[in-house]
């Protein structure tokens, strides 16, 4: 039952991890868009503003996925702890 207590340090670590994942997703998408822009310069032209919008949209999608996965993991951990506590 000790693991169900609120741990501020663990919460801070989770928030920092979330921000790190967000920054990594944004950086990765910007890098990929820049590479595509340089390679396909004669076929398509991507403006920097468009790249930022696409990268932000991609980052939001990754963030939503990350939050859903974390919530599902926490819910599963809680369910297991309840099962173990009842036995």
C-alpha atoms as a PDB file:
ATOM      1  CA  UNK A   1       0.000   0.000   0.000  1.00  0.00           C
ATOM      2  CA  UNK A   2       3.009   2.289   0.371  1.00  0.00           C
ATOM      3  CA  UNK A   3       3.313   2.717  -3.415  1.00  0.00           C
ATOM      4  CA  UNK A   4      -0.109   4.377  -3.697  1.00  0.00           C
ATOM      5  CA  UNK A   5       1.053   7.388  -1.657  1.00  0.00           C
ATOM      6  CA  UNK A   6       1.661  10.678  -3.424  1.00  0.00           C
ATOM      7  CA  UNK A   7       5.329  11.131  -4.242  1.00  0.00           C
ATOM      8  CA  UNK A   8       6.152  14.670  -5.434  1.00  0.00           C
ATOM      9  CA  UNK A   9       9.582  13.658  -6.742  1.00  0.00           C
ATOM     10  CA  UNK A  10       8.042  10.945  -8.907  1.00  0.00           C
ATOM     11  CA  UNK A  11       5.491  13.441 -10.237  1.00  0.00           C
ATOM     12  CA  UNK A  12       8.225  15.935 -11.139  1.00  0.00           C
ATOM     13  CA  UNK A  13      10.164  13.174 -12.911  1.00  0.00           C
ATOM     14  CA  UNK A  14       7.073  12.194 -14.923  1.00  0.00           C
ATOM     15  CA  UNK A  15       6.466  15.816 -15.949  1.00  0.00           C
ATOM     16  CA  UNK A  16      10.093  16.255 -17.011  1.00  0.00           C
ATOM     17  CA  UNK A  17       9.952  12.990 -18.953  1.00  0.00           C
ATOM     18  CA  UNK A  18       6.799  14.190 -20.711  1.00  0.00           C
ATOM     19  CA  UNK A  19       8.459  17.478 -21.644  1.00  0.00           C
ATOM     20  CA  UNK A  20      11.500  15.577 -22.884  1.00  0.00           C
ATOM     21  CA  UNK A  21       9.366  13.311 -25.063  1.00  0.00           C
ATOM     22  CA  UNK A  22       7.574  16.371 -26.449  1.00  0.00           C
ATOM     23  CA  UNK A  23      10.833  18.152 -27.277  1.00  0.00           C
ATOM     24  CA  UNK A  24      12.250  15.008 -28.856  1.00  0.00           C
ATOM     25  CA  UNK A  25       9.139  14.507 -31.006  1.00  0.00           C
ATOM     26  CA  UNK A  26       9.203  18.140 -32.156  1.00  0.00           C
ATOM     27  CA  UNK A  27      12.912  18.041 -32.960  1.00  0.00           C
ATOM     28  CA  UNK A  28      12.614  14.756 -34.843  1.00  0.00           C
ATOM     29  CA  UNK A  29       9.738  16.001 -36.973  1.00  0.00           C
ATOM     30  CA  UNK A  30      11.485  19.299 -37.764  1.00  0.00           C
ATOM     31  CA  UNK A  31      14.622  17.411 -38.782  1.00  0.00           C
ATOM     32  CA  UNK A  32      12.661  15.076 -41.049  1.00  0.00           C
ATOM     33  CA  UNK A  33      10.788  17.982 -42.649  1.00  0.00           C
ATOM     34  CA  UNK A  34      14.039  19.869 -43.255  1.00  0.00           C
ATOM     35  CA  UNK A  35      15.614  16.813 -44.882  1.00  0.00           C
ATOM     36  CA  UNK A  36      12.550  16.300 -47.099  1.00  0.00           C
ATOM     37  CA  UNK A  37      12.591  19.989 -47.968  1.00  0.00           C
ATOM     38  CA  UNK A  38      16.253  19.900 -49.014  1.00  0.00           C
ATOM     39  CA  UNK A  39      15.969  16.641 -50.965  1.00  0.00           C
ATOM     40  CA  UNK A  40      12.749  17.493 -52.796  1.00  0.00           C
ATOM     41  CA  UNK A  41      13.388  21.197 -53.323  1.00  0.00           C
ATOM     42  CA  UNK A  42      12.539  21.025 -57.038  1.00  0.00           C
ATOM     43  CA  UNK A  43       9.354  18.975 -56.525  1.00  0.00           C
ATOM     44  CA  UNK A  44       7.765  20.540 -53.448  1.00  0.00           C
ATOM     45  CA  UNK A  45       8.465  23.691 -51.543  1.00  0.00           C
ATOM     46  CA  UNK A  46       7.817  23.739 -47.828  1.00  0.00           C
ATOM     47  CA  UNK A  47       7.863  27.057 -46.071  1.00  0.00           C
ATOM     48  CA  UNK A  48       9.373  27.211 -42.611  1.00  0.00           C
ATOM     49  CA  UNK A  49       6.024  28.286 -41.152  1.00  0.00           C
ATOM     50  CA  UNK A  50       4.363  25.202 -42.657  1.00  0.00           C
ATOM     51  CA  UNK A  51       7.102  22.989 -41.236  1.00  0.00           C
ATOM     52  CA  UNK A  52       6.539  24.433 -37.763  1.00  0.00           C
ATOM     53  CA  UNK A  53       2.777  23.864 -38.004  1.00  0.00           C
ATOM     54  CA  UNK A  54       3.240  20.255 -39.147  1.00  0.00           C
ATOM     55  CA  UNK A  55       5.871  19.609 -36.473  1.00  0.00           C
ATOM     56  CA  UNK A  56       3.635  21.061 -33.745  1.00  0.00           C
ATOM     57  CA  UNK A  57       0.687  18.964 -34.964  1.00  0.00           C
ATOM     58  CA  UNK A  58       2.858  15.843 -34.963  1.00  0.00           C
ATOM     59  CA  UNK A  59       4.124  16.683 -31.474  1.00  0.00           C
ATOM     60  CA  UNK A  60       0.569  17.061 -30.185  1.00  0.00           C
ATOM     61  CA  UNK A  61      -0.369  13.672 -31.642  1.00  0.00           C
ATOM     62  CA  UNK A  62       2.655  12.050 -29.969  1.00  0.00           C
ATOM     63  CA  UNK A  63       1.837  13.812 -26.674  1.00  0.00           C
ATOM     64  CA  UNK A  64      -1.756  12.579 -26.713  1.00  0.00           C
ATOM     65  CA  UNK A  65      -0.579   9.043 -27.438  1.00  0.00           C
ATOM     66  CA  UNK A  66       1.999   9.266 -24.632  1.00  0.00           C
ATOM     67  CA  UNK A  67      -0.574  10.504 -22.089  1.00  0.00           C
ATOM     68  CA  UNK A  68      -3.063   7.775 -23.051  1.00  0.00           C
ATOM     69  CA  UNK A  69      -0.379   5.087 -22.683  1.00  0.00           C
ATOM     70  CA  UNK A  70       0.736   6.447 -19.288  1.00  0.00           C
ATOM     71  CA  UNK A  71      -2.856   6.560 -18.034  1.00  0.00           C
ATOM     72  CA  UNK A  72      -3.482   2.997 -19.196  1.00  0.00           C
ATOM     73  CA  UNK A  73      -0.290   1.829 -17.476  1.00  0.00           C
ATOM     74  CA  UNK A  74      -1.250   3.568 -14.210  1.00  0.00           C
ATOM     75  CA  UNK A  75      -4.750   2.091 -14.378  1.00  0.00           C
ATOM     76  CA  UNK A  76      -3.315  -1.395 -14.898  1.00  0.00           C
ATOM     77  CA  UNK A  77      -0.869  -0.951 -12.002  1.00  0.00           C
ATOM     78  CA  UNK A  78      -3.707   0.196  -9.739  1.00  0.00           C
ATOM     79  CA  UNK A  79      -5.832  -2.791 -10.755  1.00  0.00           C
ATOM     80  CA  UNK A  80      -2.994  -5.219 -10.001  1.00  0.00           C
ATOM     81  CA  UNK A  81      -2.327  -3.581  -6.627  1.00  0.00           C
ATOM     82  CA  UNK A  82      -6.010  -3.878  -5.744  1.00  0.00           C
ATOM     83  CA  UNK A  83      -6.017  -7.560  -6.714  1.00  0.00           C
ATOM     84  CA  UNK A  84      -2.908  -8.222  -4.627  1.00  0.00           C
ATOM     85  CA  UNK A  85      -4.321  -6.265  -1.692  1.00  0.00           C
ATOM     86  CA  UNK A  86      -7.527  -8.311  -1.659  1.00  0.00           C
ATOM     87  CA  UNK A  87      -5.783 -11.708  -1.577  1.00  0.00           C
END
